[in-house]
Protein backbone atom coordinates (compact mmCIF):
# COMPACT_ATOMS: atom_id res chain seq x y z
CA MET A 1 10.73 -1.68 -5.15
CA THR A 2 10.70 0.09 -8.51
CA ASN A 3 12.86 3.33 -9.29
CA LYS A 4 9.61 5.40 -10.20
CA SER A 5 8.03 4.24 -6.83
CA VAL A 6 11.68 5.53 -4.62
CA VAL A 7 11.57 9.08 -6.56
CA PHE A 8 8.20 9.62 -5.69
CA PHE A 9 8.50 8.54 -2.14
CA VAL A 10 11.85 11.03 -2.20
CA ILE A 11 9.87 13.72 -3.91
CA ILE A 12 7.10 13.35 -0.91
CA ILE A 13 9.52 13.78 1.67
CA ILE A 14 11.01 16.70 0.33
CA LEU A 15 7.80 18.25 -0.10
CA ILE A 16 6.94 17.40 3.57
CA PHE A 17 10.13 19.06 4.62
CA LEU A 18 9.51 22.13 2.56
CA ALA A 19 6.01 22.68 4.15
CA GLY A 20 7.36 22.94 7.36
CA PHE A 21 10.29 25.42 6.83
CA GLY A 22 7.18 27.38 4.74
CA TYR A 23 4.68 26.91 7.42
CA PHE A 24 7.25 28.71 10.16
CA THR A 25 8.18 31.19 7.60
CA ALA A 26 4.47 32.12 6.38
CA SER A 27 3.41 32.64 10.05
CA CYS A 28 6.15 34.58 11.24
CA ILE A 29 6.02 36.98 8.68
CA TYR A 30 2.20 37.30 8.72
CA ASP A 31 2.03 37.86 12.26
CA ILE A 32 4.80 40.62 12.04
CA LYS A 33 2.87 42.42 9.49
CA ALA A 34 -0.31 41.59 11.88
CA GLY A 35 1.15 42.64 14.75
CA THR A 36 1.13 46.49 14.39
CA ILE A 37 -2.23 46.53 16.22
CA GLY A 38 -1.61 44.15 18.27
CA ALA A 39 1.21 46.14 19.92
CA GLU A 40 -0.55 49.01 20.32
CA GLN A 41 -3.39 47.70 22.22
CA GLN A 42 -0.81 46.17 24.53
CA PHE A 43 0.51 49.13 25.11
CA LYS A 44 -2.25 50.86 25.75
CA ALA A 45 -3.58 48.24 28.08
CA LEU A 46 -0.16 48.74 29.77
CA LEU A 47 -0.85 52.28 30.06
CA ARG A 48 -4.89 51.73 31.64
CA GLU A 49 -2.92 49.81 34.16
CA MET A 50 -0.32 52.19 35.31
CA ASP A 51 -3.17 54.65 35.45
CA SER A 52 -5.23 52.10 37.80
CA LYS A 53 -2.26 51.59 39.95
CA ALA A 54 -1.39 55.05 40.12
CA ALA A 55 -5.26 56.00 41.51
CA SER A 56 -4.31 53.79 44.08
CA SER A 57 -0.80 54.90 45.08
CA LYS A 58 0.95 57.90 43.99
CA PHE A 59 2.57 58.18 40.79
CA LEU A 60 6.34 57.71 40.77
CA SER A 61 6.48 56.95 44.39
CA ALA A 62 8.27 53.41 45.79
CA ASP A 63 4.96 51.80 46.11
CA TYR A 64 3.97 52.43 42.49
CA LEU A 65 7.01 51.52 40.64
CA ASN A 66 7.70 48.16 42.26
CA SER A 67 3.97 47.67 41.28
CA LEU A 68 5.25 47.93 37.57
CA GLN A 69 7.50 45.30 37.64
CA PRO A 70 4.71 42.25 38.09
CA ILE A 71 2.71 43.95 35.23
CA ILE A 72 5.26 44.35 32.85
CA GLU A 73 6.45 40.54 33.76
CA LYS A 74 2.80 39.37 33.09
CA ASN A 75 2.76 41.01 29.75
CA ASP A 76 4.18 39.04 27.20
CA TYR A 77 4.12 41.84 24.35
CA ILE A 78 6.43 44.16 26.52
CA ALA A 79 10.14 43.25 26.27
CA ALA A 80 11.62 46.83 28.40
CA LEU A 81 9.95 49.83 29.77
CA THR A 82 11.25 53.09 30.99
CA ILE A 83 9.47 56.54 32.56
CA LYS A 84 11.59 59.44 32.58
CA SER A 85 11.78 63.51 32.25
CA ASP A 86 14.30 65.29 30.47
CA THR A 87 16.86 65.10 33.65
CA THR A 88 15.80 62.06 35.62
CA THR A 89 15.06 58.39 34.80
CA TYR A 90 12.60 57.29 37.69
CA PHE A 91 11.96 53.67 35.97
CA ALA A 92 13.91 50.91 34.06
CA TYR A 93 13.28 47.82 33.65
CA PRO A 94 14.76 44.92 33.03
CA VAL A 95 17.57 46.82 34.05
CA LYS A 96 20.15 44.49 32.37
CA SER A 97 17.72 44.29 28.99
CA ARG A 98 19.76 44.41 25.68
CA TYR A 99 16.47 46.88 24.40
CA ILE A 100 18.24 49.39 26.89
CA SER A 101 20.99 51.85 25.68
CA THR A 102 23.17 52.87 28.69
CA ASP A 103 25.32 55.33 26.24
CA SER A 104 23.78 58.21 27.86
CA ILE A 105 23.06 60.43 30.62
CA THR A 106 19.93 58.75 30.63
CA PRO A 107 18.79 55.16 29.23
CA GLU A 108 17.36 54.97 26.11
CA ILE A 109 15.36 52.19 24.36
CA ALA A 110 16.53 51.02 20.88
CA VAL A 111 15.54 47.86 19.03
CA SER A 112 16.75 46.48 15.97
CA SER A 113 14.46 43.60 15.20
CA PRO A 114 11.92 43.99 12.96
CA ALA A 115 9.84 42.21 15.03
CA MET A 116 9.82 45.00 17.63
CA ILE A 117 8.20 48.50 17.90
CA VAL A 118 9.15 51.06 20.20
CA ARG A 119 5.95 53.10 21.48
CA SER A 120 5.78 55.99 24.21
CA THR A 121 3.89 58.39 25.48
CA ASN A 122 3.81 61.91 27.87
CA ILE A 123 2.21 61.67 31.48
CA PRO A 124 2.04 64.99 33.37
CA LEU A 125 3.98 64.83 36.72
CA ASN A 126 3.38 68.44 37.41
CA ASP A 127 3.04 71.78 36.00
CA LYS A 128 6.20 72.14 35.49
CA ILE A 129 7.88 68.21 34.82
CA ASN A 130 6.52 66.29 32.36
CA THR A 131 7.42 62.14 32.13
CA ILE A 132 8.05 60.31 29.26
CA VAL A 133 6.79 56.24 29.13
CA THR A 134 8.71 54.49 26.65
CA ALA A 135 7.96 50.67 26.05
CA ALA A 136 9.90 48.35 23.46
CA VAL A 137 6.96 45.89 22.20
CA TYR A 138 6.76 42.56 20.66
CA LEU A 139 5.02 42.55 17.43
CA LEU A 140 5.73 38.59 17.37
CA PRO A 141 6.10 37.77 20.94
CA PRO A 142 8.53 34.66 22.00
CA HIS A 143 6.06 32.27 22.88
CA THR A 144 4.06 32.83 19.51
CA VAL A 145 7.66 32.36 17.96
CA PHE A 146 7.99 28.79 20.01
CA LYS A 147 4.72 27.67 19.08
CA PHE A 148 5.02 28.24 15.54
CA ALA A 149 8.56 26.48 15.94
CA ARG A 150 7.18 23.37 17.48
CA ASN A 151 4.26 23.05 14.84
CA ALA A 152 7.14 23.16 12.17
CA PHE A 153 9.28 20.44 13.92
CA PHE A 154 6.44 18.06 14.24
CA ILE A 155 5.77 18.47 10.39
CA ILE A 156 9.71 18.09 9.74
CA LEU A 157 9.68 15.40 12.31
CA SER A 158 6.80 13.22 10.54
CA GLY A 159 8.84 13.59 7.25
CA THR A 160 11.85 12.20 8.78
CA LEU A 161 10.05 9.38 10.44
CA LEU A 162 8.40 8.57 7.14
CA ALA A 163 12.01 8.57 5.28
CA PHE A 164 13.46 5.95 8.56
CA ILE A 165 10.13 4.15 7.52
CA PHE A 166 10.61 3.80 4.16
CA LEU A 167 14.58 2.87 4.51
CA ILE A 168 13.52 0.07 6.44
CA ILE A 169 10.87 -1.15 3.96
CA CYS A 170 13.63 -0.84 1.00
CA SER A 171 15.82 -2.43 3.27
CA LYS A 172 13.87 -5.62 3.80
CA ALA A 173 12.95 -5.63 0.71
CA GLU A 174 16.38 -5.64 -1.01
CA LYS A 175 17.65 -8.29 1.49
CA LYS A 176 14.91 -10.62 0.55
CA ASP A 177 15.42 -9.98 -2.96
CA THR A 178 18.84 -10.71 -2.10
CA SER A 179 18.31 -13.57 -0.44
CA LYS A 180 16.55 -15.40 -3.28
CA GLN A 181 19.04 -14.65 -5.48
CA HIS A 182 21.20 -16.10 -3.36
CA GLU A 183 19.49 -18.88 -2.73
CA ILE A 184 19.47 -19.61 -6.71
CA ASP A 185 23.00 -18.51 -7.36
CA ASN A 186 24.46 -20.83 -4.70
CA THR A 187 22.49 -23.90 -4.94
CA PRO A 188 24.58 -27.21 -4.45
CA SER A 189 26.14 -28.64 -7.53
CA ASN A 190 24.49 -32.14 -6.98
CA THR A 191 21.15 -30.08 -6.77
CA PHE A 192 21.19 -28.22 -10.43
CA ASP A 193 22.91 -28.78 -13.46
CA GLU A 194 24.48 -26.24 -15.83
CA ILE A 195 24.02 -25.99 -19.19
CA ASP A 196 24.24 -23.74 -22.32
CA ILE A 197 21.03 -22.28 -23.53
CA ASP A 198 22.64 -20.83 -26.52
CA THR A 199 24.20 -23.66 -27.38
CA ALA A 200 21.28 -25.50 -27.70
CA PHE A 201 19.38 -23.30 -29.87
CA SER A 202 22.47 -21.32 -32.22
CA GLU A 203 21.59 -22.15 -35.53
CA GLN A 204 25.50 -21.36 -36.68
CA PRO A 205 27.64 -24.40 -36.63
CA GLU A 206 29.68 -23.03 -33.77
CA PRO A 207 28.16 -22.76 -30.80
CA THR A 208 28.02 -19.39 -28.41
CA PRO A 209 27.83 -19.34 -24.68
CA THR A 210 25.44 -16.26 -23.62
CA SER A 211 23.82 -17.69 -20.63
CA SER A 212 23.90 -20.54 -17.50
CA VAL A 213 21.18 -22.35 -16.96
CA GLU A 214 20.30 -24.78 -13.93
CA LEU A 215 18.11 -27.51 -13.49
CA LYS A 216 16.13 -28.95 -10.86
CA SER A 217 13.87 -31.42 -9.98
CA THR A 218 10.99 -31.54 -7.13
CA SER A 219 9.99 -35.61 -7.44
CA GLN A 220 13.18 -36.41 -5.70
CA PRO A 221 14.67 -33.02 -5.70
CA GLU A 222 18.44 -34.06 -6.53
CA ILE A 223 19.99 -33.95 -9.78
CA THR A 224 22.96 -36.05 -9.91
CA LYS A 225 25.09 -35.26 -13.36
CA THR A 226 26.04 -32.34 -15.13
CA GLN A 227 25.73 -32.47 -19.33
CA ASP A 228 25.07 -30.36 -21.93
CA ILE A 229 21.49 -30.61 -23.65
CA PRO A 230 21.88 -31.85 -27.33
CA GLN A 231 20.19 -29.51 -29.77
CA LYS A 232 17.21 -30.96 -31.54
CA GLU A 233 15.82 -29.69 -34.76
CA ASN A 234 12.67 -30.79 -34.14
CA GLN A 235 12.02 -28.68 -30.97
CA VAL A 236 11.83 -25.54 -33.30
CA LEU A 237 8.78 -24.08 -33.27
CA GLY A 238 7.97 -24.19 -37.16
CA SER A 239 4.81 -23.43 -39.07
CA ASP A 240 3.61 -27.06 -39.03
CA SER A 241 3.70 -27.02 -35.34
CA VAL A 242 0.85 -24.46 -34.34
CA GLN A 243 -2.91 -24.90 -35.67
CA ILE A 244 -3.35 -22.11 -38.12
CA ASP A 245 -6.46 -20.23 -37.37
CA PRO A 246 -8.77 -22.10 -34.90
CA LEU A 247 -12.56 -21.49 -34.61
CA GLY A 248 -12.57 -19.26 -31.29
CA LEU A 249 -10.29 -18.26 -28.60
CA PHE A 250 -10.28 -21.30 -26.72
CA SER A 251 -10.26 -24.87 -27.47
CA PRO A 252 -13.93 -27.13 -27.08
CA THR A 253 -11.75 -29.88 -26.20
CA THR A 254 -10.23 -28.69 -22.99
CA GLY A 255 -11.31 -25.11 -23.06
CA LEU A 256 -7.61 -23.59 -23.15
CA SER A 257 -6.49 -21.31 -25.54
CA TRP A 258 -5.34 -22.40 -28.66
CA GLU A 259 -1.48 -23.15 -29.22
CA SER A 260 -1.40 -20.61 -32.12
CA TYR A 261 -2.03 -17.54 -30.08
CA LEU A 262 0.86 -18.72 -27.58
CA GLU A 263 3.60 -16.98 -29.11
CA THR A 264 1.65 -13.66 -29.74
CA ARG A 265 0.70 -13.54 -26.15
CA LEU A 266 3.87 -14.28 -24.52
CA ASP A 267 5.45 -11.50 -26.78
CA SER A 268 2.67 -8.74 -25.47
CA GLU A 269 3.61 -10.21 -21.64
CA LEU A 270 7.09 -10.09 -21.78
CA VAL A 271 6.89 -6.59 -22.98
CA ARG A 272 4.46 -5.62 -20.17
CA ALA A 273 7.11 -7.45 -17.71
CA ALA A 274 9.81 -5.45 -19.01
CA SER A 275 7.92 -2.55 -19.10
CA ALA A 276 6.98 -3.20 -15.35
CA GLU A 277 10.69 -4.45 -14.54
CA GLN A 278 8.77 -7.62 -13.46
CA ASP A 279 9.68 -11.38 -14.01
CA ILE A 280 7.93 -13.51 -15.81
CA SER A 281 8.11 -17.21 -16.11
CA LEU A 282 6.63 -20.26 -18.76
CA VAL A 283 5.89 -23.50 -17.71
CA TYR A 284 5.57 -26.41 -20.29
CA ILE A 285 3.97 -29.37 -19.03
CA LYS A 286 4.10 -32.57 -21.01
CA ILE A 287 1.85 -35.80 -20.09
CA LEU A 288 3.65 -37.98 -22.14
CA ASP A 289 1.29 -39.70 -24.89
CA LEU A 290 -1.86 -38.32 -23.06
CA PRO A 291 -4.20 -36.85 -25.79
CA HIS A 292 -6.25 -33.84 -24.79
CA ASN A 293 -9.53 -35.38 -25.23
CA HIS A 294 -8.69 -38.02 -22.52
CA PRO A 295 -10.82 -37.56 -19.55
CA ALA A 296 -7.94 -37.73 -17.59
CA ALA A 297 -6.83 -34.58 -19.59
CA ARG A 298 -10.02 -32.74 -19.43
CA LYS A 299 -9.71 -32.83 -15.54
CA VAL A 300 -6.12 -31.64 -15.58
CA SER A 301 -7.11 -28.87 -18.03
CA ASP A 302 -9.94 -27.94 -15.17
CA ILE A 303 -7.32 -28.11 -12.38
CA LEU A 304 -5.06 -25.75 -14.15
CA VAL A 305 -8.20 -23.09 -14.77
CA LYS A 306 -9.24 -23.79 -11.16
CA CYS A 307 -5.70 -22.87 -10.51
CA PHE A 308 -4.79 -20.05 -12.00
CA SER A 309 -7.91 -18.43 -13.34
CA PHE A 310 -6.85 -16.91 -16.47
CA LYS A 311 -7.95 -19.23 -19.13
CA ASP A 312 -5.99 -16.89 -21.71
CA LEU A 313 -3.20 -17.68 -19.88
CA ILE A 314 -2.93 -21.18 -20.64
CA PHE A 315 -2.32 -23.01 -23.95
CA GLU A 316 -2.76 -26.12 -25.34
CA PHE A 317 0.30 -27.41 -26.45
CA GLY A 318 1.08 -30.14 -29.02
CA GLU A 319 -0.80 -33.15 -28.82
CA ASP A 320 -0.08 -33.70 -24.89
CA GLY A 321 1.16 -30.42 -23.29
CA TYR A 322 0.11 -27.44 -21.66
CA VAL A 323 1.91 -24.09 -21.15
CA LEU A 324 1.24 -21.44 -18.50
CA ILE A 325 2.25 -17.84 -18.45
CA LEU A 326 3.07 -16.82 -14.79
CA GLN A 327 2.96 -13.23 -14.74
CA ASN A 328 5.37 -11.07 -11.99
CA SER A 329 6.55 -15.02 -11.00
CA ASP A 330 10.04 -15.61 -10.96
CA LEU A 331 11.91 -18.74 -11.12
CA VAL A 332 12.02 -19.79 -7.03
CA HIS A 333 8.32 -19.09 -6.87
CA SER A 334 7.67 -20.82 -10.56
CA LEU A 335 9.46 -23.96 -8.94
CA ASN A 336 7.04 -24.05 -5.93
CA ILE A 337 4.06 -23.91 -8.25
CA CYS A 338 5.09 -26.62 -10.56
CA GLU A 339 5.88 -28.59 -7.55
CA LYS A 340 2.00 -28.39 -6.35
CA LEU A 341 0.98 -28.93 -10.13
CA TYR A 342 2.89 -32.11 -10.07
CA THR A 343 1.28 -33.56 -7.08
CA GLU A 344 -2.11 -32.45 -8.48
CA ILE A 345 -1.71 -33.89 -11.64
CA THR A 346 -0.23 -37.24 -10.90
CA SER A 347 -2.98 -37.53 -8.35
CA ILE A 348 -5.66 -37.39 -10.98
CA LEU A 349 -3.85 -40.15 -13.38
CA GLN A 350 -3.90 -42.15 -10.15
CA GLU A 351 -7.37 -41.58 -9.65
CA PHE A 352 -8.05 -42.36 -13.47
CA ASP A 353 -5.76 -45.25 -13.02
CA VAL A 354 -3.88 -43.61 -16.13
CA ASP A 355 0.31 -45.11 -16.15
CA LYS A 356 1.42 -41.92 -18.24
CA LYS A 357 4.88 -39.55 -16.92
CA VAL A 358 4.48 -36.41 -16.01
CA PHE A 359 7.46 -33.53 -16.85
CA PHE A 360 7.31 -30.17 -16.48
CA GLY A 361 9.87 -27.37 -18.42
CA LEU A 362 10.42 -24.24 -16.58
CA SER A 363 12.24 -21.18 -18.19
CA SER A 364 11.97 -17.00 -17.17
CA ARG A 365 12.78 -13.87 -18.43
CA THR A 366 15.42 -13.10 -15.55
CA LEU A 367 16.35 -9.39 -16.43
CA ARG A 368 16.71 -10.13 -20.36
CA LEU A 369 14.78 -8.73 -23.28
CA ILE A 370 14.25 -11.62 -25.40
CA PRO A 371 11.19 -12.74 -27.66
CA GLY A 372 8.44 -15.05 -26.80
CA ILE A 373 9.54 -17.69 -29.05
CA ARG A 374 13.13 -17.94 -26.92
CA LEU A 375 11.10 -18.86 -23.72
CA ILE A 376 9.15 -21.25 -25.47
CA LYS A 377 12.58 -23.16 -27.18
CA GLU A 378 14.03 -23.26 -23.31
CA ALA A 379 11.08 -24.61 -21.61
CA MET A 380 10.71 -27.01 -24.62
CA GLN A 381 14.60 -27.99 -23.72
CA ALA A 382 13.82 -28.40 -20.29
CA VAL A 383 11.13 -30.77 -20.70
CA ASP A 384 13.65 -32.89 -22.92
CA LYS A 385 16.27 -33.20 -20.28
CA ALA A 386 13.67 -34.30 -17.73
CA MET A 387 12.51 -37.09 -19.95
CA GLU A 388 16.03 -38.24 -19.90
CA ASP A 389 16.11 -39.34 -16.56
CA PRO A 390 11.84 -39.77 -15.43
CA SER A 391 12.79 -39.63 -11.96
CA LEU A 392 13.36 -36.00 -12.17
CA PRO A 393 10.73 -34.76 -13.69
CA ILE A 394 10.72 -30.85 -12.99
CA VAL A 395 13.52 -28.83 -14.72
CA ALA A 396 14.20 -25.30 -15.04
CA PHE A 397 16.93 -23.06 -16.46
CA LYS A 398 18.42 -20.16 -14.30
CA VAL A 399 20.00 -17.84 -16.79
CA ASP A 400 23.84 -16.14 -15.90
CA ALA A 401 22.83 -12.60 -16.39
CA GLU A 402 26.50 -11.74 -16.47
CA ARG A 403 27.40 -14.12 -19.38
CA TYR A 404 23.99 -12.98 -21.37
CA ARG A 405 25.00 -9.44 -21.30
CA LYS A 406 28.64 -10.14 -22.41
CA PHE A 407 26.91 -12.35 -25.48
CA LEU A 408 24.94 -9.11 -26.41
CA ALA A 409 28.08 -6.86 -26.33
CA GLU A 410 29.81 -9.29 -28.23
CA GLU A 411 26.83 -9.45 -30.68
CA VAL A 412 26.71 -5.54 -31.11
CA SER A 413 30.43 -5.79 -31.25
CA LYS A 414 29.85 -8.24 -34.44
CA ALA A 415 27.54 -5.74 -35.57
CA GLY A 416 29.60 -2.93 -35.87
CA ILE A 417 26.89 -0.44 -33.76
C-alpha cells in the first residue's frame, strides 16, 4: 500500500471523527437557541395541568400538592418546581434538587447552565395572599442530549472500526511483502548463485561492487555452483545491434514490436514504475538458432501475444530472441511466469520436432533508479549464464539493494556532489 493511500485514509478517519464531534456540538447549540420557545410552551402546559387539577381538588390542598409530583416527573422539560408566597413555601420538588437553593428562609430556584431557564407566574390564593409558581425549565432536555451523544458515538465508532480494518489490511499487506522478500533473500545457497552486476558491465579496468544478484532455474530448480559472470563486450547494445527505422510499429514476421523500440519504451515504463512505487521486470527469451521466420518461432510469437495481450510490450530481440516487459511484477512473480512460458515453448518445439535449446534471462528494477539499457544488459548476462549450463535454462538477477545504495553513495562522493 502506497504512502499516498495511507495519508488519504488517515485524512478520511480524522474527518469522520471531526464530523462526530461537530454533529454533537452543532446539534446542542442549535437546540439551545431554538429551545426558548419550547421551554415556554412546556411551562404553559404545566400551568394548564395545574389549573385542571385545581378544578377537581382545592388549590394547595394535600391532594392537590400530591398530584403535582407525577405531573413534574412526566414532563422531561421541568427540572424543579416551587409554589410559595412571601412568607410560606407550599411545595418544592424535587426536595434535594441542585436547582433549589435553601440558603434563604424560603427555597429559591437558581440555574447556572446556559441550557436552562427559570420561569415563574403568579396564582392568587385569595384576596389577600398571592402565590408564585417558579420552575427550572430545560432548553435542552437530557433525553435530547443523550440522543445527540448516541448519534455522535456511532459516527466516531464507525471511524474507529474503519481505522482497525485499515490497520489489519496494512498489516496483512506488510506481512505478504515481507514474506516475499524473505523468500527471495533467504533462498538456500544451492538454489541461487550470487554474482556482481557492476563487475560484469563496468567499463573501468577495476570492478566496483554495487549489487548482489541471484540466479534461479526452474527446469531443474537447483543450481550447483557459484561463479562470476565474465564481462562480454559483444553483449553491450550498440548502434549495430538494433534495426534502424523499421517500417510500422510491428514486425510483419512475428507481429511483435521492433527491437529498435525496446530501449525507449523500457525507459518510459521504468519512469512510470518509479513514480507509482511499483516494480517492473524484463524477461529475455532466447531460442538458440531458431530464426523468427521459422513456423515454430511464429507460433511462439502467437503464444506470447495470447498470454500478455499487449503487443507493444513484447519485442523481437536479435535473430532468435524475444523480450517481455512485465509491468508491476516483482522477481518472484516473474519467475513463476517464466516457468509457465518455458513449458509452453518447449511443448511448441516438440510439436514441430525442433531440437533447440530455450534459455530465459530475467532482471527487475527492485527499488533502483536505472536506465533501460542497464536492465537489458542484466537480462542478456543472465541468458549467457543459463547457456553455460543448459540444464539450468532460467536464470534471474536478484539485486542487493543495500550494496546498490552504498555504490550510489560512493559514486556521489567521488563526483563531489
